[in-house]
Amino acid sequence: MGLFSNKRQKKQQQEKEEFLRRLDGRELHYVVRRNQSGSGPAEQVLGKGGRIMTASGQVRLMAGDTEVFLNDHPETVSCGELMSLNGVMFQGYNQLIDRDDTIICYYAYYRK
């Protein structure tokens, strides 16, 4: 490791925490799970509507009235916005299904 690696890790952790704070309470249009199959990735729609909840020290994703992703350790979850900026992808251990999972959430937009 170099001299500045600790500083870089702290900055990355702060940016991730800020990103999760911005996502908290965001309404969703629909939620999909990405599955790796033999012929490539496939997406399964989990539900329409929902919300991202990150304020309680957990990452919790809801699709309609159903909880589809839960992780009590947000530092272990990697997340990032899609290139189109109309959604976010979460990757990490899902406690509800006891394995690693990839969930893609598409934001809901309302016309004013």
C-alpha atoms as a PDB file:
ATOM      1  CA  MET A   1       0.000   0.000   0.000  1.00  0.00           C
ATOM      2  CA  GLY A   2       1.107   3.548  -0.610  1.00  0.00           C
ATOM      3  CA  LEU A   3       1.159   6.552   1.613  1.00  0.00           C
ATOM      4  CA  PHE A   4      -2.253   7.799   0.521  1.00  0.00           C
ATOM      5  CA  SER A   5      -4.239   4.554   0.355  1.00  0.00           C
ATOM      6  CA  ASN A   6      -5.837   5.032   3.791  1.00  0.00           C
ATOM      7  CA  LYS A   7      -6.958   8.539   2.867  1.00  0.00           C
ATOM      8  CA  ARG A   8      -8.400   7.254  -0.429  1.00  0.00           C
ATOM      9  CA  GLN A   9     -10.310   4.451   1.339  1.00  0.00           C
ATOM     10  CA  LYS A  10     -11.800   6.915   3.833  1.00  0.00           C
ATOM     11  CA  LYS A  11     -12.867   9.221   1.013  1.00  0.00           C
ATOM     12  CA  GLN A  12     -14.466   6.343  -0.921  1.00  0.00           C
ATOM     13  CA  GLN A  13     -16.323   5.210   2.214  1.00  0.00           C
ATOM     14  CA  GLN A  14     -17.613   8.758   2.831  1.00  0.00           C
ATOM     15  CA  GLU A  15     -18.777   9.046  -0.789  1.00  0.00           C
ATOM     16  CA  LYS A  16     -20.592   5.716  -0.515  1.00  0.00           C
ATOM     17  CA  GLU A  17     -22.326   6.767   2.721  1.00  0.00           C
ATOM     18  CA  GLU A  18     -23.392  10.056   1.129  1.00  0.00           C
ATOM     19  CA  PHE A  19     -24.731   8.206  -1.926  1.00  0.00           C
ATOM     20  CA  LEU A  20     -26.772   5.867   0.301  1.00  0.00           C
ATOM     21  CA  ARG A  21     -28.140   8.879   2.220  1.00  0.00           C
ATOM     22  CA  ARG A  22     -29.265  10.451  -1.068  1.00  0.00           C
ATOM     23  CA  LEU A  23     -31.011   7.225  -2.079  1.00  0.00           C
ATOM     24  CA  ASP A  24     -32.939   6.869   1.185  1.00  0.00           C
ATOM     25  CA  GLY A  25     -36.677   7.197   0.634  1.00  0.00           C
ATOM     26  CA  ARG A  26     -36.430   7.187  -3.156  1.00  0.00           C
ATOM     27  CA  GLU A  27     -39.562   5.835  -4.819  1.00  0.00           C
ATOM     28  CA  LEU A  28     -39.173   3.091  -7.400  1.00  0.00           C
ATOM     29  CA  HIS A  29     -41.007   2.330 -10.623  1.00  0.00           C
ATOM     30  CA  TYR A  30     -40.012  -1.324 -10.659  1.00  0.00           C
ATOM     31  CA  VAL A  31     -37.391  -3.704  -9.258  1.00  0.00           C
ATOM     32  CA  VAL A  32     -35.624  -6.571 -11.056  1.00  0.00           C
ATOM     33  CA  ARG A  33     -33.189  -9.315 -10.016  1.00  0.00           C
ATOM     34  CA  ARG A  34     -30.322 -10.146 -12.347  1.00  0.00           C
ATOM     35  CA  ASN A  35     -29.663 -13.879 -12.633  1.00  0.00           C
ATOM     36  CA  GLN A  36     -26.630 -15.403 -14.304  1.00  0.00           C
ATOM     37  CA  SER A  37     -27.760 -18.216 -16.567  1.00  0.00           C
ATOM     38  CA  GLY A  38     -25.811 -20.343 -19.024  1.00  0.00           C
ATOM     39  CA  SER A  39     -26.678 -18.117 -21.986  1.00  0.00           C
ATOM     40  CA  GLY A  40     -25.905 -14.833 -20.189  1.00  0.00           C
ATOM     41  CA  PRO A  41     -27.599 -12.576 -17.669  1.00  0.00           C
ATOM     42  CA  ALA A  42     -31.378 -12.642 -17.411  1.00  0.00           C
ATOM     43  CA  GLU A  43     -33.605 -10.292 -15.442  1.00  0.00           C
ATOM     44  CA  GLN A  44     -36.614 -11.288 -13.378  1.00  0.00           C
ATOM     45  CA  VAL A  45     -39.145  -8.587 -12.454  1.00  0.00           C
ATOM     46  CA  LEU A  46     -39.750  -8.708  -8.697  1.00  0.00           C
ATOM     47  CA  GLY A  47     -42.440  -6.056  -8.492  1.00  0.00           C
ATOM     48  CA  LYS A  48     -43.675  -2.622  -9.418  1.00  0.00           C
ATOM     49  CA  GLY A  49     -43.573   0.297  -7.065  1.00  0.00           C
ATOM     50  CA  GLY A  50     -41.481   0.278  -3.954  1.00  0.00           C
ATOM     51  CA  ARG A  51     -38.892   2.222  -2.025  1.00  0.00           C
ATOM     52  CA  ILE A  52     -35.214   2.268  -1.091  1.00  0.00           C
ATOM     53  CA  MET A  53     -34.551   2.465   2.667  1.00  0.00           C
ATOM     54  CA  THR A  54     -31.017   3.021   3.944  1.00  0.00           C
ATOM     55  CA  ALA A  55     -31.413   5.289   7.000  1.00  0.00           C
ATOM     56  CA  SER A  56     -31.475   2.639   9.752  1.00  0.00           C
ATOM     57  CA  GLY A  57     -27.947   1.325   9.147  1.00  0.00           C
ATOM     58  CA  GLN A  58     -29.328  -1.289   6.764  1.00  0.00           C
ATOM     59  CA  VAL A  59     -29.877  -1.505   3.035  1.00  0.00           C
ATOM     60  CA  ARG A  60     -33.491  -2.533   2.508  1.00  0.00           C
ATOM     61  CA  LEU A  61     -35.265  -2.640  -0.858  1.00  0.00           C
ATOM     62  CA  MET A  62     -39.016  -2.968  -1.203  1.00  0.00           C
ATOM     63  CA  ALA A  63     -40.907  -3.995  -4.340  1.00  0.00           C
ATOM     64  CA  GLY A  64     -44.544  -3.179  -3.755  1.00  0.00           C
ATOM     65  CA  ASP A  65     -45.295  -4.547  -0.284  1.00  0.00           C
ATOM     66  CA  THR A  66     -42.591  -7.212  -0.464  1.00  0.00           C
ATOM     67  CA  GLU A  67     -39.085  -6.898   0.902  1.00  0.00           C
ATOM     68  CA  VAL A  68     -36.661  -8.201  -1.747  1.00  0.00           C
ATOM     69  CA  PHE A  69     -33.215  -7.238  -0.400  1.00  0.00           C
ATOM     70  CA  LEU A  70     -31.876  -6.842   3.136  1.00  0.00           C
ATOM     71  CA  ASN A  71     -28.317  -6.338   4.337  1.00  0.00           C
ATOM     72  CA  ASP A  72     -27.427  -5.184   7.857  1.00  0.00           C
ATOM     73  CA  HIS A  73     -23.910  -4.129   6.836  1.00  0.00           C
ATOM     74  CA  PRO A  74     -24.124  -1.354   4.198  1.00  0.00           C
ATOM     75  CA  GLU A  75     -20.328  -1.204   3.904  1.00  0.00           C
ATOM     76  CA  THR A  76     -20.400  -4.663   2.267  1.00  0.00           C
ATOM     77  CA  VAL A  77     -22.952  -3.664  -0.390  1.00  0.00           C
ATOM     78  CA  SER A  78     -21.683  -2.150  -3.611  1.00  0.00           C
ATOM     79  CA  CYS A  79     -24.048   0.205  -5.365  1.00  0.00           C
ATOM     80  CA  GLY A  80     -23.938   2.583  -8.273  1.00  0.00           C
ATOM     81  CA  GLU A  81     -26.208   4.485 -10.571  1.00  0.00           C
ATOM     82  CA  LEU A  82     -26.949   3.201 -14.034  1.00  0.00           C
ATOM     83  CA  MET A  83     -25.354   5.053 -16.946  1.00  0.00           C
ATOM     84  CA  SER A  84     -28.798   6.344 -17.942  1.00  0.00           C
ATOM     85  CA  LEU A  85     -29.231   7.794 -14.403  1.00  0.00           C
ATOM     86  CA  ASN A  86     -32.741   6.332 -14.227  1.00  0.00           C
ATOM     87  CA  GLY A  87     -31.901   3.686 -11.641  1.00  0.00           C
ATOM     88  CA  VAL A  88     -29.382   2.097  -9.316  1.00  0.00           C
ATOM     89  CA  MET A  89     -27.817  -1.364  -9.014  1.00  0.00           C
ATOM     90  CA  PHE A  90     -27.128  -3.039  -5.654  1.00  0.00           C
ATOM     91  CA  GLN A  91     -24.766  -6.008  -5.320  1.00  0.00           C
ATOM     92  CA  GLY A  92     -24.082  -7.838  -2.099  1.00  0.00           C
ATOM     93  CA  TYR A  93     -25.169 -10.492   0.336  1.00  0.00           C
ATOM     94  CA  ASN A  94     -28.960 -10.724   0.599  1.00  0.00           C
ATOM     95  CA  GLN A  95     -30.008 -11.998   4.034  1.00  0.00           C
ATOM     96  CA  LEU A  96     -33.479 -12.890   2.781  1.00  0.00           C
ATOM     97  CA  ILE A  97     -32.206 -15.558   0.368  1.00  0.00           C
ATOM     98  CA  ASP A  98     -28.843 -16.285   2.103  1.00  0.00           C
ATOM     99  CA  ARG A  99     -26.612 -15.666  -0.931  1.00  0.00           C
ATOM    100  CA  ASP A 100     -25.067 -12.905  -3.021  1.00  0.00           C
ATOM    101  CA  ASP A 101     -27.592 -11.045  -5.125  1.00  0.00           C
ATOM    102  CA  THR A 102     -27.821  -8.322  -7.764  1.00  0.00           C
ATOM    103  CA  ILE A 103     -30.877  -6.072  -7.672  1.00  0.00           C
ATOM    104  CA  ILE A 104     -31.605  -3.262 -10.123  1.00  0.00           C
ATOM    105  CA  CYS A 105     -34.055  -0.538  -9.088  1.00  0.00           C
ATOM    106  CA  TYR A 106     -35.545   1.871 -11.603  1.00  0.00           C
ATOM    107  CA  TYR A 107     -36.595   5.258 -10.231  1.00  0.00           C
ATOM    108  CA  ALA A 108     -40.163   6.568 -10.436  1.00  0.00           C
ATOM    109  CA  TYR A 109     -40.575   9.975 -12.035  1.00  0.00           C
ATOM    110  CA  TYR A 110     -43.635  12.158 -11.687  1.00  0.00           C
ATOM    111  CA  ARG A 111     -44.646  14.876 -14.079  1.00  0.00           C
ATOM    112  CA  LYS A 112     -45.303  18.236 -12.508  1.00  0.00           C
END
